[in-house]
Amino acid sequence: MIVEEIRKEISQEDSVVLQDILHTVELGDYNKDEGLELLGDLRSSRQKRRNYKDKQEVMNMLLGGDENTGSQHAMDALDKIKEVTSPRSYQYRNPKLKQKYSKLLQSKQIKTIEKLIKRVWKLVK
């Protein structure tokens, strides 16, 4: 049930929210302030999606396997939590965009790891 709810949230951010924002960017007539607000909404949506994807991966590790491999899955989940706390990076696929925007990407640590750990802990109790 929890895994299904996480999947629905990912789908919501991937389809409905993302498409609404992208279509507004594509078809809209907006000024700089409204454009910055759109950008903020896009960023917020992608951060929510990443948070749900991280939870999904941890839950899949915790719920996978049988009782004989359960402890290994728990250890894998803990490793994933450690990985989530490390800075994220992105490799551009488009060279022109890389040249233009790569300086805007800075490695940063996910600020909500404590929340993620607390939520996962509540789910497995």
C-alpha atoms as a PDB file:
ATOM      1  CA  MET A   1       0.000   0.000   0.000  1.00  0.00           C
ATOM      2  CA  ILE A   2       2.795   2.447   0.890  1.00  0.00           C
ATOM      3  CA  VAL A   3       4.796   1.527  -2.203  1.00  0.00           C
ATOM      4  CA  GLU A   4       1.700   2.085  -4.354  1.00  0.00           C
ATOM      5  CA  GLU A   5       1.140   5.511  -2.784  1.00  0.00           C
ATOM      6  CA  ILE A   6       4.762   6.461  -3.495  1.00  0.00           C
ATOM      7  CA  ARG A   7       4.341   5.282  -7.104  1.00  0.00           C
ATOM      8  CA  LYS A   8       1.224   7.451  -7.479  1.00  0.00           C
ATOM      9  CA  GLU A   9       3.075  10.500  -6.161  1.00  0.00           C
ATOM     10  CA  ILE A  10       5.923   9.938  -8.628  1.00  0.00           C
ATOM     11  CA  SER A  11       3.417   9.587 -11.457  1.00  0.00           C
ATOM     12  CA  GLN A  12       1.661  12.785 -10.361  1.00  0.00           C
ATOM     13  CA  GLU A  13       4.913  14.759 -10.436  1.00  0.00           C
ATOM     14  CA  ASP A  14       6.069  13.164 -13.701  1.00  0.00           C
ATOM     15  CA  SER A  15       2.872  13.540 -15.642  1.00  0.00           C
ATOM     16  CA  VAL A  16       0.367  16.055 -14.368  1.00  0.00           C
ATOM     17  CA  VAL A  17       2.560  18.641 -12.642  1.00  0.00           C
ATOM     18  CA  LEU A  18       5.510  18.474 -15.034  1.00  0.00           C
ATOM     19  CA  GLN A  19       3.335  18.579 -18.140  1.00  0.00           C
ATOM     20  CA  ASP A  20       1.265  21.492 -16.821  1.00  0.00           C
ATOM     21  CA  ILE A  21       4.406  23.492 -16.107  1.00  0.00           C
ATOM     22  CA  LEU A  22       6.117  22.603 -19.398  1.00  0.00           C
ATOM     23  CA  HIS A  23       3.031  23.472 -21.426  1.00  0.00           C
ATOM     24  CA  THR A  24       2.725  26.774 -19.602  1.00  0.00           C
ATOM     25  CA  VAL A  25       6.379  27.516 -20.410  1.00  0.00           C
ATOM     26  CA  GLU A  26       5.858  26.517 -24.038  1.00  0.00           C
ATOM     27  CA  LEU A  27       2.550  28.231 -24.698  1.00  0.00           C
ATOM     28  CA  GLY A  28       2.346  30.914 -22.053  1.00  0.00           C
ATOM     29  CA  ASP A  29       2.875  34.628 -22.235  1.00  0.00           C
ATOM     30  CA  TYR A  30       4.656  35.617 -19.040  1.00  0.00           C
ATOM     31  CA  ASN A  31       6.992  38.250 -17.700  1.00  0.00           C
ATOM     32  CA  LYS A  32      10.289  37.698 -15.841  1.00  0.00           C
ATOM     33  CA  ASP A  33       8.651  37.456 -12.420  1.00  0.00           C
ATOM     34  CA  GLU A  34       6.095  34.939 -13.646  1.00  0.00           C
ATOM     35  CA  GLY A  35       8.889  33.029 -15.416  1.00  0.00           C
ATOM     36  CA  LEU A  36      10.858  32.856 -12.173  1.00  0.00           C
ATOM     37  CA  GLU A  37       7.757  31.607 -10.401  1.00  0.00           C
ATOM     38  CA  LEU A  38       7.329  28.909 -13.063  1.00  0.00           C
ATOM     39  CA  LEU A  39      10.961  27.937 -12.606  1.00  0.00           C
ATOM     40  CA  GLY A  40      10.451  27.723  -8.845  1.00  0.00           C
ATOM     41  CA  ASP A  41       7.403  25.496  -9.330  1.00  0.00           C
ATOM     42  CA  LEU A  42       9.354  23.274 -11.721  1.00  0.00           C
ATOM     43  CA  ARG A  43      12.211  22.967  -9.240  1.00  0.00           C
ATOM     44  CA  SER A  44       9.813  22.169  -6.401  1.00  0.00           C
ATOM     45  CA  SER A  45       8.099  19.493  -8.488  1.00  0.00           C
ATOM     46  CA  ARG A  46      11.404  17.846  -9.433  1.00  0.00           C
ATOM     47  CA  GLN A  47      12.604  17.907  -5.826  1.00  0.00           C
ATOM     48  CA  LYS A  48       9.370  16.244  -4.691  1.00  0.00           C
ATOM     49  CA  ARG A  49       9.793  13.622  -7.413  1.00  0.00           C
ATOM     50  CA  ARG A  50      13.397  12.924  -6.363  1.00  0.00           C
ATOM     51  CA  ASN A  51      12.325  12.587  -2.744  1.00  0.00           C
ATOM     52  CA  TYR A  52       9.628  10.058  -3.710  1.00  0.00           C
ATOM     53  CA  LYS A  53      12.049   8.150  -5.968  1.00  0.00           C
ATOM     54  CA  ASP A  54      14.534   7.865  -3.104  1.00  0.00           C
ATOM     55  CA  LYS A  55      11.797   6.588  -0.791  1.00  0.00           C
ATOM     56  CA  GLN A  56      10.666   4.127  -3.442  1.00  0.00           C
ATOM     57  CA  GLU A  57      14.155   2.722  -3.833  1.00  0.00           C
ATOM     58  CA  VAL A  58      14.640   2.334  -0.083  1.00  0.00           C
ATOM     59  CA  MET A  59      11.225   0.693   0.327  1.00  0.00           C
ATOM     60  CA  ASN A  60      11.905  -1.694  -2.543  1.00  0.00           C
ATOM     61  CA  MET A  61      15.147  -2.736  -0.861  1.00  0.00           C
ATOM     62  CA  LEU A  62      13.472  -3.193   2.507  1.00  0.00           C
ATOM     63  CA  LEU A  63      10.547  -5.160   1.109  1.00  0.00           C
ATOM     64  CA  GLY A  64      12.476  -7.294  -1.363  1.00  0.00           C
ATOM     65  CA  GLY A  65      13.458 -10.907  -0.882  1.00  0.00           C
ATOM     66  CA  ASP A  66      12.396 -13.536   1.631  1.00  0.00           C
ATOM     67  CA  GLU A  67      13.036 -13.794   5.368  1.00  0.00           C
ATOM     68  CA  ASN A  68      16.484 -15.342   4.789  1.00  0.00           C
ATOM     69  CA  THR A  69      17.651 -12.312   2.789  1.00  0.00           C
ATOM     70  CA  GLY A  70      15.779  -9.676   4.794  1.00  0.00           C
ATOM     71  CA  SER A  71      18.797  -8.535   6.748  1.00  0.00           C
ATOM     72  CA  GLN A  72      20.789  -8.099   3.533  1.00  0.00           C
ATOM     73  CA  HIS A  73      17.962  -6.001   2.094  1.00  0.00           C
ATOM     74  CA  ALA A  74      17.968  -3.873   5.238  1.00  0.00           C
ATOM     75  CA  MET A  75      21.727  -3.373   4.887  1.00  0.00           C
ATOM     76  CA  ASP A  76      21.270  -2.436   1.208  1.00  0.00           C
ATOM     77  CA  ALA A  77      18.588   0.059   2.231  1.00  0.00           C
ATOM     78  CA  LEU A  78      20.929   1.628   4.769  1.00  0.00           C
ATOM     79  CA  ASP A  79      23.593   1.912   2.064  1.00  0.00           C
ATOM     80  CA  LYS A  80      21.031   3.637  -0.162  1.00  0.00           C
ATOM     81  CA  ILE A  81      20.205   6.101   2.599  1.00  0.00           C
ATOM     82  CA  LYS A  82      23.905   6.917   2.875  1.00  0.00           C
ATOM     83  CA  GLU A  83      24.066   7.370  -0.897  1.00  0.00           C
ATOM     84  CA  VAL A  84      21.094   9.744  -0.820  1.00  0.00           C
ATOM     85  CA  THR A  85      22.964  11.964   1.620  1.00  0.00           C
ATOM     86  CA  SER A  86      25.887  12.419  -0.741  1.00  0.00           C
ATOM     87  CA  PRO A  87      25.908  15.341  -3.180  1.00  0.00           C
ATOM     88  CA  ARG A  88      24.060  14.771  -6.431  1.00  0.00           C
ATOM     89  CA  SER A  89      25.412  15.592  -9.828  1.00  0.00           C
ATOM     90  CA  TYR A  90      24.075  15.619 -13.358  1.00  0.00           C
ATOM     91  CA  GLN A  91      25.776  14.852 -16.654  1.00  0.00           C
ATOM     92  CA  TYR A  92      24.366  16.961 -19.473  1.00  0.00           C
ATOM     93  CA  ARG A  93      23.402  15.121 -22.640  1.00  0.00           C
ATOM     94  CA  ASN A  94      23.310  18.233 -24.796  1.00  0.00           C
ATOM     95  CA  PRO A  95      26.734  19.891 -25.233  1.00  0.00           C
ATOM     96  CA  LYS A  96      25.271  23.359 -25.886  1.00  0.00           C
ATOM     97  CA  LEU A  97      23.176  23.220 -22.722  1.00  0.00           C
ATOM     98  CA  LYS A  98      26.148  21.897 -20.803  1.00  0.00           C
ATOM     99  CA  GLN A  99      28.280  24.799 -21.923  1.00  0.00           C
ATOM    100  CA  LYS A 100      25.550  27.313 -21.166  1.00  0.00           C
ATOM    101  CA  TYR A 101      24.248  26.014 -17.832  1.00  0.00           C
ATOM    102  CA  SER A 102      26.712  23.624 -16.174  1.00  0.00           C
ATOM    103  CA  LYS A 103      28.060  26.427 -13.994  1.00  0.00           C
ATOM    104  CA  LEU A 104      24.600  26.691 -12.421  1.00  0.00           C
ATOM    105  CA  LEU A 105      24.782  23.177 -11.051  1.00  0.00           C
ATOM    106  CA  GLN A 106      26.582  22.935  -7.788  1.00  0.00           C
ATOM    107  CA  SER A 107      26.949  19.786  -5.757  1.00  0.00           C
ATOM    108  CA  LYS A 108      24.723  20.051  -2.760  1.00  0.00           C
ATOM    109  CA  GLN A 109      23.636  17.707  -0.053  1.00  0.00           C
ATOM    110  CA  ILE A 110      20.003  16.767   0.202  1.00  0.00           C
ATOM    111  CA  LYS A 111      18.613  18.766   3.076  1.00  0.00           C
ATOM    112  CA  THR A 112      15.758  16.450   3.914  1.00  0.00           C
ATOM    113  CA  ILE A 113      17.639  13.218   4.645  1.00  0.00           C
ATOM    114  CA  GLU A 114      16.600  13.318   8.291  1.00  0.00           C
ATOM    115  CA  LYS A 115      12.968  13.505   7.170  1.00  0.00           C
ATOM    116  CA  LEU A 116      13.516  10.617   4.766  1.00  0.00           C
ATOM    117  CA  ILE A 117      15.044   8.438   7.474  1.00  0.00           C
ATOM    118  CA  LYS A 118      12.267   9.294   9.946  1.00  0.00           C
ATOM    119  CA  ARG A 119       9.552   8.519   7.381  1.00  0.00           C
ATOM    120  CA  VAL A 120      11.142   5.244   6.332  1.00  0.00           C
ATOM    121  CA  TRP A 121      11.567   4.273   9.978  1.00  0.00           C
ATOM    122  CA  LYS A 122       7.858   4.948  10.628  1.00  0.00           C
ATOM    123  CA  LEU A 123       6.933   2.831   7.602  1.00  0.00           C
ATOM    124  CA  VAL A 124       8.906  -0.210   8.709  1.00  0.00           C
ATOM    125  CA  LYS A 125       7.764  -0.186  12.362  1.00  0.00           C
END
